[in-house]
Amino acid sequence: MNWVYILKGSRYYVGSTNNLERRLQEHSRGHTYSTRRIGEWFLIWRKSYPTLAEARAIEKKIKRWKSTHMIQLLMQGKIEL
């Protein structure tokens, strides 16, 4: 299974992976440079995709938004990807 996910700490983090459990453990252990300085993260949204290429494309699309408001609309189901 391939996933796009959003974590919430003092800011949002958007990522994609083919193993969500492993990736979340890496974040919590501080193995990811971009998330280790923030502290505790919470998984607030995830969606599965058939291929990793599709998941990465959606991750890129969300990151291009650069908007907390858009991410909140996504989590509320008001935006479809």
PDB file of N, CA and C in Angstrom:
ATOM      1  N   MET A   1       0.842  -1.178   0.000  1.00  0.00           N
ATOM      2  CA  MET A   1       0.000   0.000   0.000  1.00  0.00           C
ATOM      3  C   MET A   1       0.889   1.244   0.000  1.00  0.00           C
ATOM      4  N   ASN A   2       0.495   2.222  -0.764  1.00  0.00           N
ATOM      5  CA  ASN A   2       1.238   3.480  -0.891  1.00  0.00           C
ATOM      6  C   ASN A   2       0.387   4.602  -0.311  1.00  0.00           C
ATOM      7  N   TRP A   3       1.001   5.463   0.462  1.00  0.00           N
ATOM      8  CA  TRP A   3       0.269   6.462   1.232  1.00  0.00           C
ATOM      9  C   TRP A   3       0.788   7.869   1.018  1.00  0.00           C
ATOM     10  N   VAL A   4      -0.127   8.827   1.083  1.00  0.00           N
ATOM     11  CA  VAL A   4       0.182  10.239   1.284  1.00  0.00           C
ATOM     12  C   VAL A   4      -0.342  10.537   2.675  1.00  0.00           C
ATOM     13  N   TYR A   5       0.431  11.269   3.464  1.00  0.00           N
ATOM     14  CA  TYR A   5       0.022  11.532   4.841  1.00  0.00           C
ATOM     15  C   TYR A   5       0.386  12.948   5.248  1.00  0.00           C
ATOM     16  N   ILE A   6      -0.329  13.438   6.256  1.00  0.00           N
ATOM     17  CA  ILE A   6      -0.050  14.764   6.807  1.00  0.00           C
ATOM     18  C   ILE A   6       0.116  14.614   8.312  1.00  0.00           C
ATOM     19  N   LEU A   7       1.212  15.164   8.807  1.00  0.00           N
ATOM     20  CA  LEU A   7       1.493  15.193  10.238  1.00  0.00           C
ATOM     21  C   LEU A   7       1.290  16.616  10.738  1.00  0.00           C
ATOM     22  N   LYS A   8       0.903  16.736  12.006  1.00  0.00           N
ATOM     23  CA  LYS A   8       0.743  18.049  12.621  1.00  0.00           C
ATOM     24  C   LYS A   8       1.603  18.112  13.864  1.00  0.00           C
ATOM     25  N   GLY A   9       2.435  19.115  13.941  1.00  0.00           N
ATOM     26  CA  GLY A   9       3.214  19.448  15.125  1.00  0.00           C
ATOM     27  C   GLY A   9       2.986  20.926  15.343  1.00  0.00           C
ATOM     28  N   SER A  10       4.024  21.695  15.409  1.00  0.00           N
ATOM     29  CA  SER A  10       3.851  23.143  15.447  1.00  0.00           C
ATOM     30  C   SER A  10       3.596  23.680  14.034  1.00  0.00           C
ATOM     31  N   ARG A  11       3.723  22.801  13.049  1.00  0.00           N
ATOM     32  CA  ARG A  11       3.398  23.106  11.653  1.00  0.00           C
ATOM     33  C   ARG A  11       2.948  21.802  11.004  1.00  0.00           C
ATOM     34  N   TYR A  12       2.621  21.837   9.716  1.00  0.00           N
ATOM     35  CA  TYR A  12       2.225  20.636   8.987  1.00  0.00           C
ATOM     36  C   TYR A  12       3.426  20.051   8.254  1.00  0.00           C
ATOM     37  N   TYR A  13       3.396  18.727   8.115  1.00  0.00           N
ATOM     38  CA  TYR A  13       4.395  18.026   7.306  1.00  0.00           C
ATOM     39  C   TYR A  13       3.633  17.092   6.379  1.00  0.00           C
ATOM     40  N   VAL A  14       3.924  17.157   5.088  1.00  0.00           N
ATOM     41  CA  VAL A  14       3.286  16.307   4.086  1.00  0.00           C
ATOM     42  C   VAL A  14       4.327  15.334   3.557  1.00  0.00           C
ATOM     43  N   GLY A  15       3.967  14.047   3.495  1.00  0.00           N
ATOM     44  CA  GLY A  15       4.898  13.049   3.005  1.00  0.00           C
ATOM     45  C   GLY A  15       4.192  11.931   2.269  1.00  0.00           C
ATOM     46  N   SER A  16       4.972  11.052   1.663  1.00  0.00           N
ATOM     47  CA  SER A  16       4.439   9.862   1.002  1.00  0.00           C
ATOM     48  C   SER A  16       5.387   8.702   1.263  1.00  0.00           C
ATOM     49  N   THR A  17       4.834   7.500   1.257  1.00  0.00           N
ATOM     50  CA  THR A  17       5.629   6.316   1.562  1.00  0.00           C
ATOM     51  C   THR A  17       4.902   5.063   1.090  1.00  0.00           C
ATOM     52  N   ASN A  18       5.651   3.971   1.007  1.00  0.00           N
ATOM     53  CA  ASN A  18       5.022   2.681   0.718  1.00  0.00           C
ATOM     54  C   ASN A  18       4.866   1.847   1.995  1.00  0.00           C
ATOM     55  N   ASN A  19       5.306   2.395   3.140  1.00  0.00           N
ATOM     56  CA  ASN A  19       5.173   1.707   4.425  1.00  0.00           C
ATOM     57  C   ASN A  19       4.912   2.769   5.503  1.00  0.00           C
ATOM     58  N   LEU A  20       3.651   3.032   5.765  1.00  0.00           N
ATOM     59  CA  LEU A  20       3.289   4.131   6.648  1.00  0.00           C
ATOM     60  C   LEU A  20       3.763   3.909   8.081  1.00  0.00           C
ATOM     61  N   GLU A  21       3.610   2.706   8.605  1.00  0.00           N
ATOM     62  CA  GLU A  21       4.052   2.439   9.983  1.00  0.00           C
ATOM     63  C   GLU A  21       5.542   2.713  10.170  1.00  0.00           C
ATOM     64  N   ARG A  22       6.343   2.200   9.251  1.00  0.00           N
ATOM     65  CA  ARG A  22       7.796   2.412   9.329  1.00  0.00           C
ATOM     66  C   ARG A  22       8.129   3.896   9.259  1.00  0.00           C
ATOM     67  N   ARG A  23       7.477   4.589   8.349  1.00  0.00           N
ATOM     68  CA  ARG A  23       7.770   6.012   8.157  1.00  0.00           C
ATOM     69  C   ARG A  23       7.389   6.834   9.385  1.00  0.00           C
ATOM     70  N   LEU A  24       6.269   6.520  10.006  1.00  0.00           N
ATOM     71  CA  LEU A  24       5.866   7.234  11.219  1.00  0.00           C
ATOM     72  C   LEU A  24       6.853   6.983  12.354  1.00  0.00           C
ATOM     73  N   GLN A  25       7.365   5.758  12.438  1.00  0.00           N
ATOM     74  CA  GLN A  25       8.383   5.446  13.449  1.00  0.00           C
ATOM     75  C   GLN A  25       9.657   6.256  13.192  1.00  0.00           C
ATOM     76  N   GLU A  26      10.043   6.392  11.932  1.00  0.00           N
ATOM     77  CA  GLU A  26      11.224   7.186  11.607  1.00  0.00           C
ATOM     78  C   GLU A  26      11.047   8.640  12.035  1.00  0.00           C
ATOM     79  N   HIS A  27       9.854   9.174  11.804  1.00  0.00           N
ATOM     80  CA  HIS A  27       9.583  10.550  12.236  1.00  0.00           C
ATOM     81  C   HIS A  27       9.667  10.669  13.758  1.00  0.00           C
ATOM     82  N   SER A  28       9.071   9.729  14.462  1.00  0.00           N
ATOM     83  CA  SER A  28       9.039   9.824  15.930  1.00  0.00           C
ATOM     84  C   SER A  28      10.422   9.614  16.546  1.00  0.00           C
ATOM     85  N   ARG A  29      11.296   8.890  15.871  1.00  0.00           N
ATOM     86  CA  ARG A  29      12.655   8.654  16.381  1.00  0.00           C
ATOM     87  C   ARG A  29      13.642   9.747  15.980  1.00  0.00           C
ATOM     88  N   GLY A  30      13.185  10.699  15.181  1.00  0.00           N
ATOM     89  CA  GLY A  30      14.064  11.785  14.762  1.00  0.00           C
ATOM     90  C   GLY A  30      14.975  11.435  13.604  1.00  0.00           C
ATOM     91  N   HIS A  31      14.600  10.449  12.797  1.00  0.00           N
ATOM     92  CA  HIS A  31      15.432  10.027  11.665  1.00  0.00           C
ATOM     93  C   HIS A  31      15.243  10.911  10.438  1.00  0.00           C
ATOM     94  N   THR A  32      14.270  11.815  10.493  1.00  0.00           N
ATOM     95  CA  THR A  32      13.982  12.680   9.359  1.00  0.00           C
ATOM     96  C   THR A  32      14.393  14.099   9.708  1.00  0.00           C
ATOM     97  N   TYR A  33      15.320  14.647   8.953  1.00  0.00           N
ATOM     98  CA  TYR A  33      15.883  15.960   9.264  1.00  0.00           C
ATOM     99  C   TYR A  33      14.800  17.038   9.384  1.00  0.00           C
ATOM    100  N   SER A  34      13.868  17.042   8.456  1.00  0.00           N
ATOM    101  CA  SER A  34      12.880  18.124   8.426  1.00  0.00           C
ATOM    102  C   SER A  34      11.853  18.048   9.549  1.00  0.00           C
ATOM    103  N   THR A  35      11.750  16.921  10.236  1.00  0.00           N
ATOM    104  CA  THR A  35      10.769  16.813  11.329  1.00  0.00           C
ATOM    105  C   THR A  35      11.400  16.656  12.706  1.00  0.00           C
ATOM    106  N   ARG A  36      12.683  16.413  12.794  1.00  0.00           N
ATOM    107  CA  ARG A  36      13.291  16.116  14.094  1.00  0.00           C
ATOM    108  C   ARG A  36      13.354  17.315  15.025  1.00  0.00           C
ATOM    109  N   ARG A  37      13.402  18.518  14.494  1.00  0.00           N
ATOM    110  CA  ARG A  37      13.546  19.711  15.331  1.00  0.00           C
ATOM    111  C   ARG A  37      12.221  20.211  15.898  1.00  0.00           C
ATOM    112  N   ILE A  38      11.114  19.693  15.427  1.00  0.00           N
ATOM    113  CA  ILE A  38       9.801  20.207  15.808  1.00  0.00           C
ATOM    114  C   ILE A  38       9.299  19.588  17.107  1.00  0.00           C
ATOM    115  N   GLY A  39       9.632  18.355  17.378  1.00  0.00           N
ATOM    116  CA  GLY A  39       9.125  17.688  18.579  1.00  0.00           C
ATOM    117  C   GLY A  39       8.122  16.615  18.213  1.00  0.00           C
ATOM    118  N   GLU A  40       7.026  16.569  18.926  1.00  0.00           N
ATOM    119  CA  GLU A  40       6.034  15.510  18.723  1.00  0.00           C
ATOM    120  C   GLU A  40       5.134  15.814  17.527  1.00  0.00           C
ATOM    121  N   TRP A  41       4.867  14.777  16.740  1.00  0.00           N
ATOM    122  CA  TRP A  41       4.021  14.873  15.558  1.00  0.00           C
ATOM    123  C   TRP A  41       2.814  13.967  15.727  1.00  0.00           C
ATOM    124  N   PHE A  42       1.705  14.347  15.123  1.00  0.00           N
ATOM    125  CA  PHE A  42       0.489  13.542  15.144  1.00  0.00           C
ATOM    126  C   PHE A  42       0.011  13.337  13.716  1.00  0.00           C
ATOM    127  N   LEU A  43      -0.334  12.106  13.394  1.00  0.00           N
ATOM    128  CA  LEU A  43      -0.892  11.795  12.081  1.00  0.00           C
ATOM    129  C   LEU A  43      -2.328  12.318  12.060  1.00  0.00           C
ATOM    130  N   ILE A  44      -2.615  13.245  11.143  1.00  0.00           N
ATOM    131  CA  ILE A  44      -3.954  13.827  11.109  1.00  0.00           C
ATOM    132  C   ILE A  44      -4.719  13.485   9.833  1.00  0.00           C
ATOM    133  N   TRP A  45      -4.023  12.992   8.808  1.00  0.00           N
ATOM    134  CA  TRP A  45      -4.687  12.645   7.546  1.00  0.00           C
ATOM    135  C   TRP A  45      -3.825  11.654   6.793  1.00  0.00           C
ATOM    136  N   ARG A  46      -4.478  10.726   6.099  1.00  0.00           N
ATOM    137  CA  ARG A  46      -3.765   9.789   5.224  1.00  0.00           C
ATOM    138  C   ARG A  46      -4.727   9.298   4.160  1.00  0.00           C
ATOM    139  N   LYS A  47      -4.162   8.932   3.024  1.00  0.00           N
ATOM    140  CA  LYS A  47      -4.954   8.371   1.931  1.00  0.00           C
ATOM    141  C   LYS A  47      -4.063   7.420   1.146  1.00  0.00           C
ATOM    142  N   SER A  48      -4.618   6.280   0.780  1.00  0.00           N
ATOM    143  CA  SER A  48      -3.837   5.284   0.044  1.00  0.00           C
ATOM    144  C   SER A  48      -4.014   5.464  -1.468  1.00  0.00           C
ATOM    145  N   TYR A  49      -2.978   5.040  -2.194  1.00  0.00           N
ATOM    146  CA  TYR A  49      -2.955   5.105  -3.652  1.00  0.00           C
ATOM    147  C   TYR A  49      -2.380   3.802  -4.183  1.00  0.00           C
ATOM    148  N   PRO A  50      -2.783   3.415  -5.394  1.00  0.00           N
ATOM    149  CA  PRO A  50      -2.314   2.131  -5.945  1.00  0.00           C
ATOM    150  C   PRO A  50      -0.813   2.073  -6.216  1.00  0.00           C
ATOM    151  N   THR A  51      -0.217   3.210  -6.592  1.00  0.00           N
ATOM    152  CA  THR A  51       1.214   3.196  -6.896  1.00  0.00           C
ATOM    153  C   THR A  51       1.923   4.300  -6.115  1.00  0.00           C
ATOM    154  N   LEU A  52       3.204   4.093  -5.890  1.00  0.00           N
ATOM    155  CA  LEU A  52       4.003   5.097  -5.199  1.00  0.00           C
ATOM    156  C   LEU A  52       4.138   6.359  -6.050  1.00  0.00           C
ATOM    157  N   ALA A  53       4.182   6.194  -7.364  1.00  0.00           N
ATOM    158  CA  ALA A  53       4.268   7.358  -8.256  1.00  0.00           C
ATOM    159  C   ALA A  53       3.050   8.264  -8.094  1.00  0.00           C
ATOM    160  N   GLU A  54       1.862   7.673  -7.971  1.00  0.00           N
ATOM    161  CA  GLU A  54       0.648   8.467  -7.754  1.00  0.00           C
ATOM    162  C   GLU A  54       0.697   9.175  -6.407  1.00  0.00           C
ATOM    163  N   ALA A  55       1.136   8.461  -5.386  1.00  0.00           N
ATOM    164  CA  ALA A  55       1.234   9.049  -4.046  1.00  0.00           C
ATOM    165  C   ALA A  55       2.207  10.223  -4.050  1.00  0.00           C
ATOM    166  N   ARG A  56       3.337  10.076  -4.702  1.00  0.00           N
ATOM    167  CA  ARG A  56       4.330  11.153  -4.763  1.00  0.00           C
ATOM    168  C   ARG A  56       3.779  12.370  -5.528  1.00  0.00           C
ATOM    169  N   ALA A  57       3.005  12.119  -6.581  1.00  0.00           N
ATOM    170  CA  ALA A  57       2.418  13.221  -7.343  1.00  0.00           C
ATOM    171  C   ALA A  57       1.421  14.004  -6.483  1.00  0.00           C
ATOM    172  N   ILE A  58       0.619  13.311  -5.686  1.00  0.00           N
ATOM    173  CA  ILE A  58      -0.340  13.978  -4.804  1.00  0.00           C
ATOM    174  C   ILE A  58       0.400  14.733  -3.702  1.00  0.00           C
ATOM    175  N   GLU A  59       1.455  14.128  -3.154  1.00  0.00           N
ATOM    176  CA  GLU A  59       2.268  14.813  -2.146  1.00  0.00           C
ATOM    177  C   GLU A  59       2.790  16.139  -2.710  1.00  0.00           C
ATOM    178  N   LYS A  60       3.300  16.089  -3.922  1.00  0.00           N
ATOM    179  CA  LYS A  60       3.850  17.288  -4.565  1.00  0.00           C
ATOM    180  C   LYS A  60       2.768  18.347  -4.754  1.00  0.00           C
ATOM    181  N   LYS A  61       1.572  17.904  -5.150  1.00  0.00           N
ATOM    182  CA  LYS A  61       0.448  18.822  -5.356  1.00  0.00           C
ATOM    183  C   LYS A  61       0.091  19.537  -4.047  1.00  0.00           C
ATOM    184  N   ILE A  62       0.000  18.787  -2.953  1.00  0.00           N
ATOM    185  CA  ILE A  62      -0.336  19.375  -1.656  1.00  0.00           C
ATOM    186  C   ILE A  62       0.753  20.354  -1.226  1.00  0.00           C
ATOM    187  N   LYS A  63       2.007  19.987  -1.413  1.00  0.00           N
ATOM    188  CA  LYS A  63       3.108  20.865  -1.023  1.00  0.00           C
ATOM    189  C   LYS A  63       3.121  22.166  -1.821  1.00  0.00           C
ATOM    190  N   ARG A  64       2.661  22.129  -3.060  1.00  0.00           N
ATOM    191  CA  ARG A  64       2.603  23.335  -3.880  1.00  0.00           C
ATOM    192  C   ARG A  64       1.568  24.329  -3.370  1.00  0.00           C
ATOM    193  N   TRP A  65       0.570  23.849  -2.628  1.00  0.00           N
ATOM    194  CA  TRP A  65      -0.447  24.752  -2.075  1.00  0.00           C
ATOM    195  C   TRP A  65       0.174  25.770  -1.128  1.00  0.00           C
ATOM    196  N   LYS A  66       1.118  25.316  -0.284  1.00  0.00           N
ATOM    197  CA  LYS A  66       1.760  26.188   0.710  1.00  0.00           C
ATOM    198  C   LYS A  66       0.724  26.948   1.532  1.00  0.00           C
ATOM    199  N   SER A  67      -0.352  26.246   1.906  1.00  0.00           N
ATOM    200  CA  SER A  67      -1.450  26.900   2.590  1.00  0.00           C
ATOM    201  C   SER A  67      -2.033  26.012   3.689  1.00  0.00           C
ATOM    202  N   THR A  68      -2.010  26.507   4.906  1.00  0.00           N
ATOM    203  CA  THR A  68      -2.634  25.799   6.023  1.00  0.00           C
ATOM    204  C   THR A  68      -4.133  25.674   5.789  1.00  0.00           C
ATOM    205  N   HIS A  69      -4.738  26.720   5.251  1.00  0.00           N
ATOM    206  CA  HIS A  69      -6.174  26.711   5.001  1.00  0.00           C
ATOM    207  C   HIS A  69      -6.558  25.595   4.025  1.00  0.00           C
ATOM    208  N   MET A  70      -5.795  25.413   2.970  1.00  0.00           N
ATOM    209  CA  MET A  70      -6.085  24.359   1.989  1.00  0.00           C
ATOM    210  C   MET A  70      -5.950  22.977   2.614  1.00  0.00           C
ATOM    211  N   ILE A  71      -4.948  22.786   3.456  1.00  0.00           N
ATOM    212  CA  ILE A  71      -4.773  21.501   4.139  1.00  0.00           C
ATOM    213  C   ILE A  71      -5.965  21.237   5.060  1.00  0.00           C
ATOM    214  N   GLN A  72      -6.443  22.252   5.750  1.00  0.00           N
ATOM    215  CA  GLN A  72      -7.599  22.089   6.621  1.00  0.00           C
ATOM    216  C   GLN A  72      -8.841  21.736   5.817  1.00  0.00           C
ATOM    217  N   LEU A  73      -9.025  22.340   4.656  1.00  0.00           N
ATOM    218  CA  LEU A  73     -10.152  21.997   3.784  1.00  0.00           C
ATOM    219  C   LEU A  73     -10.048  20.551   3.295  1.00  0.00           C
ATOM    220  N   LEU A  74      -8.851  20.101   2.986  1.00  0.00           N
ATOM    221  CA  LEU A  74      -8.621  18.714   2.571  1.00  0.00           C
ATOM    222  C   LEU A  74      -9.044  17.755   3.680  1.00  0.00           C
ATOM    223  N   MET A  75      -8.611  18.040   4.913  1.00  0.00           N
ATOM    224  CA  MET A  75      -8.947  17.164   6.040  1.00  0.00           C
ATOM    225  C   MET A  75     -10.448  17.147   6.324  1.00  0.00           C
ATOM    226  N   GLN A  76     -11.146  18.237   6.026  1.00  0.00           N
ATOM    227  CA  GLN A  76     -12.591  18.321   6.233  1.00  0.00           C
ATOM    228  C   GLN A  76     -13.370  17.682   5.080  1.00  0.00           C
ATOM    229  N   GLY A  77     -12.663  17.249   4.042  1.00  0.00           N
ATOM    230  CA  GLY A  77     -13.303  16.624   2.908  1.00  0.00           C
ATOM    231  C   GLY A  77     -13.919  17.620   1.922  1.00  0.00           C
ATOM    232  N   LYS A  78     -13.541  18.888   2.034  1.00  0.00           N
ATOM    233  CA  LYS A  78     -14.099  19.917   1.157  1.00  0.00           C
ATOM    234  C   LYS A  78     -13.296  20.087  -0.122  1.00  0.00           C
ATOM    235  N   ILE A  79     -12.129  19.423  -0.199  1.00  0.00           N
ATOM    236  CA  ILE A  79     -11.287  19.438  -1.398  1.00  0.00           C
ATOM    237  C   ILE A  79     -11.019  17.987  -1.776  1.00  0.00           C
ATOM    238  N   GLU A  80     -11.168  17.678  -3.039  1.00  0.00           N
ATOM    239  CA  GLU A  80     -10.826  16.354  -3.552  1.00  0.00           C
ATOM    240  C   GLU A  80      -9.509  16.437  -4.311  1.00  0.00           C
ATOM    241  N   LEU A  81      -8.720  15.395  -4.195  1.00  0.00           N
ATOM    242  CA  LEU A  81      -7.436  15.359  -4.916  1.00  0.00           C
ATOM    243  C   LEU A  81      -7.563  14.554  -6.186  1.00  0.00           C
TER     244      LEU A  81
END
